[in-house]
Amino acid sequence: MATLVITVIGEDRPGLVSSLADVVAEHGGSWGRSQLAQLAGKFAGIVTVDVPDAHASALTRAVGSLEGLDISVQGAEDGAAAGVEGEAGETFHLDLVGHDHPGIVQQVSGVLARQKVSVEALDTRVVPAPQAGGDLFEARCAFRAPADVDVEALKQALEELAQELQVDVTFDAADQAAVWE
């Protein structure tokens, strides 16, 4: 069995996910984990597909021929399909809210990287907040810390950064970050 990682981007339209799912099913593939979104009129997504080895090349060609989409297909290395889910360590959840300004994601992700933390999910949005004098930046992040991480040091680093950025953060252990409806 081959595991393929398919990335797709294109103009959003009704039936786009269905056309991709049809091609996967026609080649005996099993849709695995996916993240799909419509942003600013574009559709973007990533999905893992398990497919019999004998059908992997045909599936790759077929998804590549879907009209109006820029699609990339890569084979996952052995064990890579499970990703960081298979690694030891605890999952944490971070919520962040504050006035929008450049560099927030860069600085937060820098703190996480220095602690050897792996981001599993990151959802961000900017929402108008006229009563607050501008736009608010909101982020929800699920990340997995190595088993030997100093949780208190990680929490302290995030709290110090929150003060520097003048944002509110909530940090706790969680199974997985929630997404906005």
Protein backbone atom coordinates (compact mmCIF):
# COMPACT_ATOMS: atom_id res chain seq x y z
CA MET A 1 0.00 0.00 0.00
CA ALA A 2 1.33 3.44 -0.95
CA THR A 3 0.57 6.60 0.97
CA LEU A 4 0.35 9.71 -1.18
CA VAL A 5 0.25 13.30 0.01
CA ILE A 6 -1.84 15.41 -2.36
CA THR A 7 -1.81 19.21 -2.23
CA VAL A 8 -4.26 21.23 -4.25
CA ILE A 9 -4.95 24.90 -4.91
CA GLY A 10 -7.28 26.61 -7.34
CA GLU A 11 -10.32 28.78 -7.80
CA ASP A 12 -13.05 27.68 -5.42
CA ARG A 13 -16.09 26.10 -7.07
CA PRO A 14 -18.91 23.75 -6.10
CA GLY A 15 -18.00 20.09 -6.48
CA LEU A 16 -14.23 20.55 -6.24
CA VAL A 17 -13.79 18.21 -3.26
CA SER A 18 -16.22 15.74 -4.80
CA SER A 19 -14.22 15.58 -8.05
CA LEU A 20 -11.03 14.90 -6.10
CA ALA A 21 -12.77 12.27 -3.94
CA ASP A 22 -14.21 10.61 -7.06
CA VAL A 23 -10.74 10.19 -8.57
CA VAL A 24 -9.36 8.78 -5.32
CA ALA A 25 -12.22 6.26 -5.08
CA GLU A 26 -11.97 5.28 -8.77
CA HIS A 27 -8.39 4.17 -8.14
CA GLY A 28 -9.14 2.18 -4.98
CA GLY A 29 -7.75 4.88 -2.72
CA SER A 30 -8.75 5.54 0.84
CA TRP A 31 -9.01 9.20 1.89
CA GLY A 32 -7.03 9.74 5.10
CA ARG A 33 -6.29 12.87 7.05
CA SER A 34 -7.01 16.17 5.31
CA GLN A 35 -7.07 19.91 5.83
CA LEU A 36 -9.15 21.79 3.26
CA ALA A 37 -10.17 25.44 3.21
CA GLN A 38 -11.61 28.22 1.10
CA LEU A 39 -9.72 31.47 1.58
CA ALA A 40 -10.20 34.67 -0.43
CA GLY A 41 -11.94 32.85 -3.27
CA LYS A 42 -9.23 30.20 -3.53
CA PHE A 43 -9.49 26.60 -2.45
CA ALA A 44 -6.45 25.02 -0.85
CA GLY A 45 -5.93 21.69 0.78
CA ILE A 46 -3.76 18.77 1.63
CA VAL A 47 -4.88 15.16 1.98
CA THR A 48 -3.24 11.81 2.57
CA VAL A 49 -4.48 8.90 0.49
CA ASP A 50 -3.66 5.21 0.89
CA VAL A 51 -3.79 3.42 -2.45
CA PRO A 52 -2.70 -0.02 -3.65
CA ASP A 53 0.86 0.19 -5.00
CA ALA A 54 -0.31 -0.90 -8.46
CA HIS A 55 -2.71 2.09 -8.67
CA ALA A 56 -0.47 4.85 -7.26
CA SER A 57 0.89 6.06 -10.63
CA ALA A 58 -2.53 6.07 -12.27
CA LEU A 59 -4.03 7.97 -9.34
CA THR A 60 -1.20 10.50 -9.49
CA ARG A 61 -1.83 11.08 -13.22
CA ALA A 62 -5.60 11.29 -12.75
CA VAL A 63 -5.56 13.88 -9.97
CA GLY A 64 -2.98 15.85 -11.93
CA SER A 65 -5.41 16.13 -14.81
CA LEU A 66 -8.23 17.68 -12.77
CA GLU A 67 -9.13 20.90 -14.57
CA GLY A 68 -8.33 24.31 -13.11
CA LEU A 69 -6.28 23.05 -10.19
CA ASP A 70 -2.60 23.17 -9.34
CA ILE A 71 -1.99 19.76 -7.79
CA SER A 72 1.14 18.18 -6.36
CA VAL A 73 1.39 14.51 -5.39
CA GLN A 74 4.23 13.13 -3.31
CA GLY A 75 4.79 9.72 -1.84
CA ALA A 76 5.02 9.66 1.94
CA GLU A 77 8.11 7.96 3.30
CA ASP A 78 7.63 4.85 5.44
CA GLY A 79 6.02 5.87 8.71
CA ALA A 80 5.58 9.49 7.58
CA ALA A 81 1.84 9.11 7.05
CA ALA A 82 1.34 8.97 10.80
CA GLY A 83 3.39 12.16 11.11
CA VAL A 84 4.04 13.55 14.52
CA GLU A 85 0.97 11.75 15.86
CA GLY A 86 3.15 8.69 16.34
CA GLU A 87 5.84 10.56 18.26
CA ALA A 88 6.04 10.67 22.03
CA GLY A 89 5.10 13.84 23.83
CA GLU A 90 2.09 15.74 25.01
CA THR A 91 -0.25 17.81 22.86
CA PHE A 92 -0.94 21.38 23.92
CA HIS A 93 -3.38 24.02 22.83
CA LEU A 94 -2.67 27.73 22.51
CA ASP A 95 -5.24 30.50 21.90
CA LEU A 96 -3.98 33.98 21.12
CA VAL A 97 -5.95 37.24 20.68
CA GLY A 98 -4.59 40.74 20.23
CA HIS A 99 -4.35 43.77 17.98
CA ASP A 100 -3.24 42.69 14.52
CA HIS A 101 0.29 43.60 13.48
CA PRO A 102 3.02 41.98 11.38
CA GLY A 103 5.21 39.31 12.93
CA ILE A 104 2.88 37.61 15.42
CA VAL A 105 3.01 34.17 13.79
CA GLN A 106 6.76 34.51 13.21
CA GLN A 107 7.46 35.26 16.85
CA VAL A 108 5.14 32.62 18.32
CA SER A 109 6.41 29.93 15.95
CA GLY A 110 9.98 30.95 16.84
CA VAL A 111 9.33 30.32 20.53
CA LEU A 112 7.83 26.92 19.70
CA ALA A 113 10.72 25.98 17.39
CA ARG A 114 13.32 26.86 20.03
CA GLN A 115 11.54 24.44 22.39
CA LYS A 116 11.62 21.69 19.67
CA VAL A 117 7.82 21.79 19.48
CA SER A 118 6.00 20.55 16.37
CA VAL A 119 2.96 22.51 15.19
CA GLU A 120 0.14 20.09 14.32
CA ALA A 121 -2.56 22.62 13.48
CA LEU A 122 -2.65 26.39 13.18
CA ASP A 123 -5.80 28.36 12.41
CA THR A 124 -5.62 32.14 12.20
CA ARG A 125 -7.96 34.94 11.27
CA VAL A 126 -8.20 38.70 11.39
CA VAL A 127 -11.52 40.13 12.52
CA PRO A 128 -12.68 43.73 12.50
CA ALA A 129 -12.97 45.24 15.95
CA PRO A 130 -13.95 48.89 15.54
CA GLN A 131 -14.63 49.20 19.28
CA ALA A 132 -10.96 48.22 19.87
CA GLY A 133 -9.63 50.69 17.31
CA GLY A 134 -8.67 48.30 14.52
CA ASP A 135 -8.47 44.64 13.67
CA LEU A 136 -7.92 41.74 16.05
CA PHE A 137 -5.66 38.82 15.21
CA GLU A 138 -6.85 35.46 16.55
CA ALA A 139 -4.92 32.20 16.45
CA ARG A 140 -5.57 28.68 17.64
CA CYS A 141 -2.68 26.29 17.63
CA ALA A 142 -2.29 22.63 18.52
CA PHE A 143 1.28 21.51 19.00
CA ARG A 144 3.14 18.48 20.24
CA ALA A 145 6.03 18.97 22.63
CA PRO A 146 8.78 16.38 23.01
CA ALA A 147 8.41 14.09 26.02
CA ASP A 148 11.34 15.79 27.76
CA VAL A 149 10.11 19.38 27.30
CA ASP A 150 10.16 21.65 30.33
CA VAL A 151 6.48 22.62 30.24
CA GLU A 152 6.91 25.44 32.74
CA ALA A 153 9.76 26.96 30.68
CA LEU A 154 7.64 26.70 27.53
CA LYS A 155 4.69 28.33 29.26
CA GLN A 156 6.94 31.09 30.66
CA ALA A 157 8.44 31.80 27.21
CA LEU A 158 4.94 32.08 25.69
CA GLU A 159 3.73 34.35 28.51
CA GLU A 160 6.78 36.62 28.13
CA LEU A 161 6.17 36.83 24.39
CA ALA A 162 2.48 37.63 25.00
CA GLN A 163 3.50 40.57 27.17
CA GLU A 164 5.96 41.77 24.55
CA LEU A 165 3.37 41.50 21.75
CA GLN A 166 0.59 42.85 23.99
CA VAL A 167 -1.69 39.89 23.24
CA ASP A 168 -3.67 37.51 25.43
CA VAL A 169 -2.69 33.84 25.37
CA THR A 170 -4.27 30.75 26.86
CA PHE A 171 -2.05 27.68 27.07
CA ASP A 172 -3.19 24.24 28.20
CA ALA A 173 -2.98 20.53 27.53
CA ALA A 174 -5.48 19.43 24.91
CA ASP A 175 -6.21 16.57 22.55
CA GLN A 176 -6.43 18.79 19.49
CA ALA A 177 -7.11 22.43 18.68
CA ALA A 178 -10.66 23.34 17.82
CA VAL A 179 -11.40 25.23 14.65
CA TRP A 180 -13.81 28.09 14.15
CA GLU A 181 -17.19 27.29 12.73
